[in-house]
């Protein structure tokens, strides 16, 4: 007999650093919803560079796995930094692989951009998700500037308002997919 694990929430970090504040935020959120299958996608760095020639029904295995994971998810939460005033290349590459498959069409998505500034990446990602026709959930976006000043050396959020805001984004996503 299988046990219902609740909703299937795919979390994607835009940072590949092992001590990333963005990944830490997602791990914090994961601990707050043990009744759901909240899991961190670990394939961003394994995807090949986007190449339209390879973007077929027989796309590389890593791409097929990504598309399947998105399809199986009830909702997606992305937490990313900003690099050089833009979207991290690996995250943008991942999103490019979803264009032809339509796997993000109407998929409920929440977005947290936590960085030194973050405004440019946040705006760019919202535009990209809009073009991919993802369903950006109401109250499901958050820009957290100066994130490192709001976390301690163990990558735990120390700013109460930031923690509440991050939790509110997750609540908005859960509300949209329940």
N, C-alpha and C. Protein backbone atom coordinates (compact mmCIF):
# COMPACT_ATOMS: atom_id res chain seq x y z
N UNK A 1 0.84 -1.18 0.00
CA UNK A 1 0.00 0.00 0.00
C UNK A 1 0.88 1.24 0.00
N UNK A 2 0.63 2.17 -0.90
CA UNK A 2 1.43 3.38 -0.94
C UNK A 2 0.85 4.43 0.00
N UNK A 3 1.72 5.22 0.55
CA UNK A 3 1.32 6.27 1.47
C UNK A 3 1.30 7.58 0.71
N UNK A 4 0.19 8.30 0.82
CA UNK A 4 0.07 9.59 0.15
C UNK A 4 0.99 10.59 0.84
N UNK A 5 1.91 11.15 0.09
CA UNK A 5 2.88 12.09 0.64
C UNK A 5 2.44 13.53 0.38
N UNK A 6 1.21 13.75 -0.01
CA UNK A 6 0.75 15.11 -0.22
C UNK A 6 1.15 15.63 -1.58
N UNK A 7 1.39 16.91 -1.64
CA UNK A 7 1.73 17.59 -2.89
C UNK A 7 3.18 17.34 -3.28
N UNK A 8 3.43 17.38 -4.58
CA UNK A 8 4.76 17.18 -5.13
C UNK A 8 5.32 18.55 -5.52
N UNK A 9 6.25 19.06 -4.71
CA UNK A 9 6.80 20.40 -4.90
C UNK A 9 8.26 20.29 -5.32
N UNK A 10 8.55 20.79 -6.50
CA UNK A 10 9.91 20.79 -7.03
C UNK A 10 10.57 22.12 -6.69
N UNK A 11 11.72 22.06 -6.02
CA UNK A 11 12.46 23.26 -5.64
C UNK A 11 13.72 23.34 -6.49
N UNK A 12 13.99 24.52 -7.02
CA UNK A 12 15.14 24.71 -7.90
C UNK A 12 15.97 25.87 -7.38
N UNK A 13 17.23 25.61 -7.10
CA UNK A 13 18.15 26.67 -6.70
C UNK A 13 18.89 27.17 -7.93
N UNK A 14 18.98 28.47 -8.06
CA UNK A 14 19.72 29.07 -9.16
C UNK A 14 21.21 29.15 -8.90
N UNK A 15 21.64 28.68 -7.75
CA UNK A 15 23.06 28.71 -7.40
C UNK A 15 23.60 27.29 -7.35
N UNK A 16 24.81 27.12 -7.83
CA UNK A 16 25.47 25.82 -7.79
C UNK A 16 26.43 25.68 -6.60
N UNK A 17 26.60 26.76 -5.83
CA UNK A 17 27.49 26.71 -4.66
C UNK A 17 26.94 25.77 -3.61
N UNK A 18 27.80 24.98 -3.00
CA UNK A 18 27.34 24.05 -1.98
C UNK A 18 26.84 24.79 -0.73
N UNK A 19 27.38 25.95 -0.44
CA UNK A 19 26.95 26.71 0.73
C UNK A 19 26.05 27.89 0.34
N UNK A 20 25.30 27.72 -0.69
CA UNK A 20 24.45 28.78 -1.23
C UNK A 20 23.35 29.19 -0.26
N UNK A 21 23.16 30.48 -0.10
CA UNK A 21 22.06 30.97 0.73
C UNK A 21 20.72 30.61 0.07
N UNK A 22 20.67 30.56 -1.25
CA UNK A 22 19.44 30.22 -1.95
C UNK A 22 19.04 28.77 -1.70
N UNK A 23 19.99 27.88 -1.78
CA UNK A 23 19.71 26.47 -1.49
C UNK A 23 19.32 26.32 -0.02
N UNK A 24 19.95 27.07 0.86
CA UNK A 24 19.61 27.02 2.28
C UNK A 24 18.18 27.48 2.53
N UNK A 25 17.74 28.48 1.81
CA UNK A 25 16.35 28.94 1.94
C UNK A 25 15.39 27.82 1.53
N UNK A 26 15.70 27.15 0.43
CA UNK A 26 14.84 26.05 -0.02
C UNK A 26 14.85 24.90 0.99
N UNK A 27 15.99 24.61 1.57
CA UNK A 27 16.06 23.54 2.57
C UNK A 27 15.26 23.91 3.81
N UNK A 28 15.28 25.17 4.19
CA UNK A 28 14.46 25.63 5.31
C UNK A 28 12.99 25.40 5.00
N UNK A 29 12.56 25.79 3.82
CA UNK A 29 11.16 25.60 3.44
C UNK A 29 10.80 24.12 3.42
N UNK A 30 11.72 23.31 2.97
CA UNK A 30 11.48 21.86 2.92
C UNK A 30 11.14 21.32 4.30
N UNK A 31 11.81 21.81 5.33
CA UNK A 31 11.58 21.31 6.69
C UNK A 31 10.22 21.74 7.24
N UNK A 32 9.62 22.75 6.65
CA UNK A 32 8.35 23.26 7.18
C UNK A 32 7.14 22.54 6.61
N UNK A 33 7.34 21.69 5.61
CA UNK A 33 6.20 20.98 5.00
C UNK A 33 6.49 19.48 4.87
N UNK A 34 6.72 18.80 6.01
CA UNK A 34 7.06 17.37 5.93
C UNK A 34 5.91 16.52 5.37
N UNK A 35 4.71 17.05 5.37
CA UNK A 35 3.57 16.31 4.85
C UNK A 35 3.55 16.27 3.32
N UNK A 36 4.42 17.04 2.70
CA UNK A 36 4.48 17.09 1.24
C UNK A 36 5.82 16.54 0.73
N UNK A 37 5.82 16.14 -0.53
CA UNK A 37 7.04 15.69 -1.18
C UNK A 37 7.72 16.92 -1.76
N UNK A 38 8.46 17.63 -0.93
CA UNK A 38 9.19 18.84 -1.31
C UNK A 38 10.63 18.41 -1.53
N UNK A 39 11.10 18.49 -2.78
CA UNK A 39 12.43 17.99 -3.09
C UNK A 39 13.21 18.99 -3.94
N UNK A 40 14.52 18.98 -3.74
CA UNK A 40 15.42 19.87 -4.47
C UNK A 40 15.92 19.19 -5.73
N UNK A 41 15.66 19.82 -6.86
CA UNK A 41 16.16 19.33 -8.14
C UNK A 41 17.67 19.54 -8.16
N UNK A 42 18.42 18.48 -8.43
CA UNK A 42 19.88 18.58 -8.38
C UNK A 42 20.52 18.43 -9.76
N UNK A 43 19.76 18.68 -10.82
CA UNK A 43 20.30 18.46 -12.15
C UNK A 43 20.66 19.70 -12.94
N UNK A 44 20.57 20.88 -12.34
CA UNK A 44 20.85 22.11 -13.09
C UNK A 44 22.25 22.08 -13.70
N UNK A 45 23.22 21.61 -12.93
CA UNK A 45 24.60 21.59 -13.43
C UNK A 45 24.90 20.40 -14.34
N UNK A 46 23.95 19.50 -14.50
CA UNK A 46 24.17 18.32 -15.34
C UNK A 46 23.58 18.48 -16.74
N UNK A 47 22.81 19.53 -16.94
CA UNK A 47 22.19 19.75 -18.24
C UNK A 47 23.22 20.21 -19.26
N UNK A 48 23.14 19.72 -20.48
CA UNK A 48 24.05 20.23 -21.52
C UNK A 48 23.67 21.66 -21.87
N UNK A 49 24.60 22.36 -22.50
CA UNK A 49 24.27 23.70 -23.00
C UNK A 49 23.11 23.57 -23.97
N UNK A 50 22.18 24.51 -23.88
CA UNK A 50 21.03 24.44 -24.77
C UNK A 50 21.48 24.49 -26.22
N UNK A 51 20.94 23.57 -27.02
CA UNK A 51 21.25 23.51 -28.44
C UNK A 51 19.96 23.09 -29.15
N UNK A 52 19.39 23.96 -29.96
CA UNK A 52 18.14 23.63 -30.63
C UNK A 52 18.21 22.35 -31.47
N UNK A 53 19.38 22.02 -31.95
CA UNK A 53 19.54 20.79 -32.75
C UNK A 53 19.25 19.55 -31.90
N UNK A 54 19.58 19.62 -30.61
CA UNK A 54 19.36 18.49 -29.71
C UNK A 54 17.98 18.51 -29.07
N UNK A 55 17.23 19.58 -29.30
CA UNK A 55 15.93 19.76 -28.65
C UNK A 55 14.84 19.05 -29.45
N UNK A 56 14.85 17.73 -29.33
CA UNK A 56 13.91 16.89 -30.06
C UNK A 56 13.20 15.96 -29.06
N UNK A 57 12.36 15.07 -29.57
CA UNK A 57 11.73 14.08 -28.69
C UNK A 57 12.77 13.18 -28.05
N UNK A 58 13.91 13.05 -28.69
CA UNK A 58 15.00 12.25 -28.15
C UNK A 58 16.08 13.16 -27.57
N UNK A 59 15.65 14.16 -26.82
CA UNK A 59 16.59 15.09 -26.19
C UNK A 59 17.51 14.32 -25.24
N UNK A 60 18.64 14.90 -24.87
CA UNK A 60 19.54 14.22 -23.94
C UNK A 60 18.79 13.75 -22.67
N UNK A 61 19.24 12.67 -22.09
CA UNK A 61 18.58 12.07 -20.94
C UNK A 61 18.35 13.08 -19.80
N UNK A 62 19.35 13.90 -19.52
CA UNK A 62 19.22 14.89 -18.44
C UNK A 62 18.07 15.84 -18.72
N UNK A 63 17.86 16.19 -19.98
CA UNK A 63 16.78 17.09 -20.38
C UNK A 63 15.44 16.38 -20.23
N UNK A 64 15.38 15.13 -20.66
CA UNK A 64 14.15 14.34 -20.50
C UNK A 64 13.78 14.22 -19.02
N UNK A 65 14.80 13.99 -18.17
CA UNK A 65 14.55 13.88 -16.73
C UNK A 65 14.02 15.19 -16.16
N UNK A 66 14.58 16.30 -16.60
CA UNK A 66 14.09 17.62 -16.17
C UNK A 66 12.64 17.80 -16.57
N UNK A 67 12.33 17.56 -17.80
CA UNK A 67 10.96 17.75 -18.29
C UNK A 67 9.98 16.84 -17.56
N UNK A 68 10.37 15.61 -17.30
CA UNK A 68 9.51 14.69 -16.56
C UNK A 68 9.28 15.17 -15.14
N UNK A 69 10.34 15.66 -14.51
CA UNK A 69 10.23 16.15 -13.13
C UNK A 69 9.27 17.34 -13.07
N UNK A 70 9.38 18.25 -14.02
CA UNK A 70 8.48 19.41 -14.05
C UNK A 70 7.04 18.95 -14.26
N UNK A 71 6.85 18.02 -15.18
CA UNK A 71 5.50 17.52 -15.46
C UNK A 71 4.88 16.87 -14.22
N UNK A 72 5.68 16.14 -13.47
CA UNK A 72 5.18 15.44 -12.29
C UNK A 72 4.95 16.35 -11.09
N UNK A 73 5.57 17.52 -11.09
CA UNK A 73 5.44 18.44 -9.96
C UNK A 73 4.06 19.12 -9.98
N UNK A 74 3.48 19.24 -8.80
CA UNK A 74 2.24 20.01 -8.67
C UNK A 74 2.55 21.51 -8.73
N UNK A 75 3.72 21.87 -8.24
CA UNK A 75 4.16 23.26 -8.25
C UNK A 75 5.67 23.33 -8.13
N UNK A 76 6.21 24.48 -8.49
CA UNK A 76 7.66 24.68 -8.50
C UNK A 76 7.98 25.96 -7.75
N UNK A 77 9.05 25.90 -6.96
CA UNK A 77 9.56 27.10 -6.32
C UNK A 77 11.02 27.26 -6.71
N UNK A 78 11.35 28.43 -7.20
CA UNK A 78 12.71 28.75 -7.63
C UNK A 78 13.27 29.78 -6.65
N UNK A 79 14.49 29.56 -6.20
CA UNK A 79 15.18 30.53 -5.34
C UNK A 79 16.55 30.74 -5.96
N UNK A 80 16.85 31.98 -6.32
CA UNK A 80 18.07 32.22 -7.09
C UNK A 80 18.76 33.52 -6.70
N UNK A 81 20.07 33.54 -6.86
CA UNK A 81 20.79 34.80 -6.73
C UNK A 81 20.78 35.54 -8.07
N UNK A 82 21.41 36.67 -8.08
CA UNK A 82 21.65 37.43 -9.31
C UNK A 82 23.16 37.40 -9.54
N UNK A 83 23.58 37.11 -10.76
CA UNK A 83 25.00 37.14 -11.11
C UNK A 83 25.20 38.20 -12.18
N UNK A 84 26.14 39.09 -11.95
CA UNK A 84 26.47 40.13 -12.94
C UNK A 84 25.21 40.84 -13.44
N UNK A 85 24.32 41.18 -12.51
CA UNK A 85 23.07 41.88 -12.79
C UNK A 85 22.13 41.09 -13.70
N UNK A 86 22.24 39.76 -13.67
CA UNK A 86 21.36 38.94 -14.50
C UNK A 86 21.06 37.60 -13.88
N UNK A 87 20.37 36.78 -14.65
CA UNK A 87 20.00 35.44 -14.24
C UNK A 87 21.23 34.55 -14.32
N UNK A 88 21.49 33.72 -13.33
CA UNK A 88 22.61 32.78 -13.43
C UNK A 88 22.47 31.95 -14.71
N UNK A 89 23.58 31.80 -15.42
CA UNK A 89 23.56 31.11 -16.71
C UNK A 89 23.01 29.70 -16.65
N UNK A 90 23.34 28.96 -15.60
CA UNK A 90 22.87 27.58 -15.51
C UNK A 90 21.35 27.52 -15.34
N UNK A 91 20.78 28.46 -14.61
CA UNK A 91 19.32 28.49 -14.44
C UNK A 91 18.65 28.88 -15.75
N UNK A 92 19.19 29.86 -16.44
CA UNK A 92 18.62 30.27 -17.72
C UNK A 92 18.72 29.13 -18.73
N UNK A 93 19.84 28.41 -18.72
CA UNK A 93 20.00 27.25 -19.59
C UNK A 93 18.91 26.22 -19.31
N UNK A 94 18.65 25.96 -18.02
CA UNK A 94 17.61 25.01 -17.65
C UNK A 94 16.26 25.45 -18.21
N UNK A 95 15.93 26.72 -18.04
CA UNK A 95 14.65 27.23 -18.53
C UNK A 95 14.57 27.15 -20.06
N UNK A 96 15.68 27.39 -20.74
CA UNK A 96 15.69 27.29 -22.20
C UNK A 96 15.31 25.88 -22.67
N UNK A 97 15.71 24.86 -21.91
CA UNK A 97 15.38 23.48 -22.27
C UNK A 97 13.90 23.17 -22.12
N UNK A 98 13.13 24.05 -21.47
CA UNK A 98 11.69 23.79 -21.29
C UNK A 98 10.84 24.43 -22.38
N UNK A 99 11.42 25.27 -23.21
CA UNK A 99 10.63 26.05 -24.17
C UNK A 99 9.81 25.14 -25.09
N UNK A 100 10.46 24.27 -25.82
CA UNK A 100 9.75 23.48 -26.83
C UNK A 100 8.84 22.41 -26.22
N UNK A 101 9.17 21.95 -25.03
CA UNK A 101 8.36 20.90 -24.42
C UNK A 101 7.05 21.44 -23.84
N UNK A 102 7.03 22.72 -23.53
CA UNK A 102 5.85 23.29 -22.92
C UNK A 102 5.61 22.79 -21.51
N UNK A 103 6.62 22.21 -20.89
CA UNK A 103 6.43 21.60 -19.57
C UNK A 103 6.09 22.62 -18.48
N UNK A 104 6.39 23.89 -18.71
CA UNK A 104 6.05 24.91 -17.71
C UNK A 104 4.72 25.61 -17.99
N UNK A 105 4.07 25.27 -19.09
CA UNK A 105 2.80 25.92 -19.43
C UNK A 105 1.78 25.67 -18.31
N UNK A 106 1.27 26.74 -17.75
CA UNK A 106 0.27 26.73 -16.67
C UNK A 106 0.75 26.06 -15.38
N UNK A 107 2.03 25.76 -15.28
CA UNK A 107 2.56 25.15 -14.05
C UNK A 107 2.67 26.23 -12.98
N UNK A 108 2.09 26.03 -11.80
CA UNK A 108 2.23 27.01 -10.73
C UNK A 108 3.69 27.14 -10.29
N UNK A 109 4.18 28.38 -10.32
CA UNK A 109 5.57 28.66 -9.99
C UNK A 109 5.64 29.83 -9.02
N UNK A 110 6.49 29.68 -8.00
CA UNK A 110 6.82 30.77 -7.08
C UNK A 110 8.29 31.11 -7.29
N UNK A 111 8.64 32.37 -7.07
CA UNK A 111 10.01 32.82 -7.32
C UNK A 111 10.51 33.68 -6.18
N UNK A 112 11.66 33.29 -5.64
CA UNK A 112 12.37 34.10 -4.65
C UNK A 112 13.73 34.44 -5.26
N UNK A 113 14.05 35.71 -5.29
CA UNK A 113 15.38 36.14 -5.71
C UNK A 113 16.06 36.71 -4.48
N UNK A 114 17.09 36.02 -4.02
CA UNK A 114 17.81 36.42 -2.82
C UNK A 114 19.27 36.65 -3.20
N UNK A 115 19.69 37.91 -3.14
CA UNK A 115 21.01 38.26 -3.64
C UNK A 115 21.49 39.53 -2.97
N UNK A 116 22.60 40.07 -3.46
CA UNK A 116 23.06 41.36 -2.96
C UNK A 116 22.08 42.46 -3.34
N UNK A 117 21.66 42.44 -4.58
CA UNK A 117 20.65 43.39 -5.05
C UNK A 117 19.48 42.58 -5.60
N UNK A 118 19.64 41.98 -6.78
CA UNK A 118 18.66 41.03 -7.29
C UNK A 118 17.59 41.57 -8.21
N UNK A 119 17.44 42.88 -8.31
CA UNK A 119 16.33 43.45 -9.09
C UNK A 119 16.34 43.02 -10.55
N UNK A 120 17.51 43.00 -11.17
CA UNK A 120 17.58 42.66 -12.60
C UNK A 120 17.24 41.20 -12.85
N UNK A 121 17.82 40.31 -12.06
CA UNK A 121 17.53 38.88 -12.24
C UNK A 121 16.06 38.60 -11.96
N UNK A 122 15.51 39.22 -10.93
CA UNK A 122 14.11 38.99 -10.57
C UNK A 122 13.19 39.40 -11.72
N UNK A 123 13.41 40.59 -12.25
CA UNK A 123 12.58 41.08 -13.36
C UNK A 123 12.75 40.20 -14.60
N UNK A 124 13.98 39.81 -14.88
CA UNK A 124 14.25 38.98 -16.06
C UNK A 124 13.60 37.60 -15.92
N UNK A 125 13.71 37.01 -14.74
CA UNK A 125 13.10 35.69 -14.54
C UNK A 125 11.58 35.76 -14.62
N UNK A 126 11.00 36.79 -14.08
CA UNK A 126 9.54 36.94 -14.19
C UNK A 126 9.13 37.03 -15.66
N UNK A 127 9.90 37.77 -16.44
CA UNK A 127 9.61 37.90 -17.87
C UNK A 127 9.77 36.55 -18.58
N UNK A 128 10.84 35.84 -18.27
CA UNK A 128 11.08 34.53 -18.89
C UNK A 128 9.95 33.57 -18.53
N UNK A 129 9.57 33.52 -17.26
CA UNK A 129 8.49 32.64 -16.84
C UNK A 129 7.16 33.02 -17.51
N UNK A 130 6.97 34.30 -17.71
CA UNK A 130 5.76 34.78 -18.41
C UNK A 130 5.77 34.28 -19.86
N UNK A 131 6.91 34.39 -20.52
CA UNK A 131 7.02 33.93 -21.91
C UNK A 131 6.80 32.42 -22.00
N UNK A 132 7.26 31.69 -20.99
CA UNK A 132 7.06 30.24 -20.95
C UNK A 132 5.64 29.87 -20.52
N UNK A 133 4.83 30.86 -20.26
CA UNK A 133 3.44 30.77 -19.80
C UNK A 133 3.29 29.93 -18.54
N UNK A 134 4.28 30.05 -17.65
CA UNK A 134 4.15 29.47 -16.33
C UNK A 134 3.09 30.27 -15.58
N UNK A 135 2.46 29.64 -14.62
CA UNK A 135 1.46 30.30 -13.80
C UNK A 135 2.16 30.86 -12.55
N UNK A 136 2.58 32.10 -12.61
CA UNK A 136 3.25 32.72 -11.47
C UNK A 136 2.17 33.01 -10.44
N UNK A 137 2.26 32.32 -9.31
CA UNK A 137 1.17 32.37 -8.33
C UNK A 137 1.08 33.74 -7.67
N UNK A 138 -0.16 34.11 -7.37
CA UNK A 138 -0.41 35.39 -6.71
C UNK A 138 0.28 35.38 -5.34
N UNK A 139 0.98 36.46 -5.04
CA UNK A 139 1.77 36.61 -3.80
C UNK A 139 2.90 35.58 -3.71
N UNK A 140 3.31 35.05 -4.86
CA UNK A 140 4.33 34.01 -4.88
C UNK A 140 5.67 34.49 -5.41
N UNK A 141 5.93 35.79 -5.31
CA UNK A 141 7.24 36.29 -5.72
C UNK A 141 7.81 37.15 -4.59
N UNK A 142 9.12 37.10 -4.47
CA UNK A 142 9.79 37.84 -3.41
C UNK A 142 11.20 38.20 -3.84
N UNK A 143 11.55 39.44 -3.63
CA UNK A 143 12.91 39.92 -3.85
C UNK A 143 13.52 40.20 -2.49
N UNK A 144 14.63 39.53 -2.17
CA UNK A 144 15.30 39.71 -0.89
C UNK A 144 16.70 40.28 -1.16
N UNK A 145 16.84 41.61 -1.10
CA UNK A 145 18.17 42.19 -1.29
C UNK A 145 19.02 42.01 -0.02
N UNK A 146 20.31 42.04 -0.21
CA UNK A 146 21.28 41.94 0.90
C UNK A 146 21.06 40.68 1.74
N UNK A 147 20.84 39.56 1.07
CA UNK A 147 20.53 38.31 1.76
C UNK A 147 21.61 37.89 2.75
N UNK A 148 22.87 38.10 2.41
CA UNK A 148 23.95 37.66 3.31
C UNK A 148 23.90 38.37 4.66
N UNK A 149 23.38 39.59 4.70
CA UNK A 149 23.24 40.32 5.96
C UNK A 149 22.05 39.81 6.78
N UNK A 150 21.22 38.98 6.17
CA UNK A 150 20.02 38.47 6.83
C UNK A 150 20.15 37.00 7.21
N UNK A 151 21.40 36.48 7.08
CA UNK A 151 21.67 35.08 7.41
C UNK A 151 22.93 35.01 8.26
N UNK A 152 23.03 33.95 9.08
CA UNK A 152 24.24 33.77 9.87
C UNK A 152 25.23 32.87 9.13
N UNK A 153 26.33 32.55 9.79
CA UNK A 153 27.39 31.76 9.14
C UNK A 153 26.96 30.32 8.83
N UNK A 154 25.87 29.86 9.45
CA UNK A 154 25.33 28.53 9.15
C UNK A 154 24.24 28.59 8.09
N UNK A 155 24.11 29.74 7.42
CA UNK A 155 23.11 29.96 6.37
C UNK A 155 21.67 29.83 6.88
N UNK A 156 21.45 30.25 8.10
CA UNK A 156 20.11 30.30 8.66
C UNK A 156 19.64 31.75 8.61
N UNK A 157 18.38 31.95 8.25
CA UNK A 157 17.83 33.30 8.21
C UNK A 157 17.73 33.83 9.63
N UNK A 158 18.29 35.01 9.84
CA UNK A 158 18.26 35.64 11.16
C UNK A 158 17.32 36.83 11.21
N UNK A 159 16.84 37.27 10.08
CA UNK A 159 15.93 38.40 10.00
C UNK A 159 14.49 37.88 10.00
N UNK A 160 13.74 38.21 11.05
CA UNK A 160 12.38 37.67 11.22
C UNK A 160 11.46 38.03 10.06
N UNK A 161 11.55 39.26 9.55
CA UNK A 161 10.68 39.66 8.46
C UNK A 161 10.99 38.87 7.18
N UNK A 162 12.28 38.65 6.93
CA UNK A 162 12.67 37.87 5.75
C UNK A 162 12.16 36.44 5.87
N UNK A 163 12.29 35.84 7.04
CA UNK A 163 11.80 34.48 7.23
C UNK A 163 10.28 34.42 7.02
N UNK A 164 9.57 35.39 7.54
CA UNK A 164 8.12 35.42 7.36
C UNK A 164 7.76 35.59 5.88
N UNK A 165 8.48 36.48 5.18
CA UNK A 165 8.22 36.72 3.76
C UNK A 165 8.47 35.45 2.93
N UNK A 166 9.54 34.74 3.24
CA UNK A 166 9.87 33.50 2.54
C UNK A 166 8.77 32.46 2.79
N UNK A 167 8.34 32.34 4.04
CA UNK A 167 7.26 31.39 4.37
C UNK A 167 5.97 31.77 3.64
N UNK A 168 5.71 33.06 3.50
CA UNK A 168 4.50 33.51 2.81
C UNK A 168 4.50 33.12 1.33
N UNK A 169 5.68 33.12 0.71
CA UNK A 169 5.78 32.69 -0.68
C UNK A 169 5.40 31.21 -0.79
N UNK A 170 5.91 30.40 0.12
CA UNK A 170 5.57 28.98 0.12
C UNK A 170 4.07 28.78 0.36
N UNK A 171 3.52 29.53 1.29
CA UNK A 171 2.07 29.44 1.55
C UNK A 171 1.26 29.80 0.31
N UNK A 172 1.70 30.81 -0.42
CA UNK A 172 1.00 31.19 -1.65
C UNK A 172 1.05 30.07 -2.68
N UNK A 173 2.21 29.42 -2.81
CA UNK A 173 2.32 28.30 -3.75
C UNK A 173 1.43 27.15 -3.31
N UNK A 174 1.47 26.81 -2.03
CA UNK A 174 0.64 25.71 -1.53
C UNK A 174 -0.84 26.01 -1.75
N UNK A 175 -1.23 27.25 -1.53
CA UNK A 175 -2.63 27.64 -1.73
C UNK A 175 -3.03 27.48 -3.20
N UNK A 176 -2.11 27.79 -4.09
CA UNK A 176 -2.41 27.71 -5.53
C UNK A 176 -2.52 26.28 -6.03
N UNK A 177 -1.84 25.34 -5.36
CA UNK A 177 -1.83 23.96 -5.86
C UNK A 177 -2.67 23.00 -5.02
N UNK A 178 -3.23 23.47 -3.95
CA UNK A 178 -4.04 22.58 -3.07
C UNK A 178 -5.42 22.37 -3.65
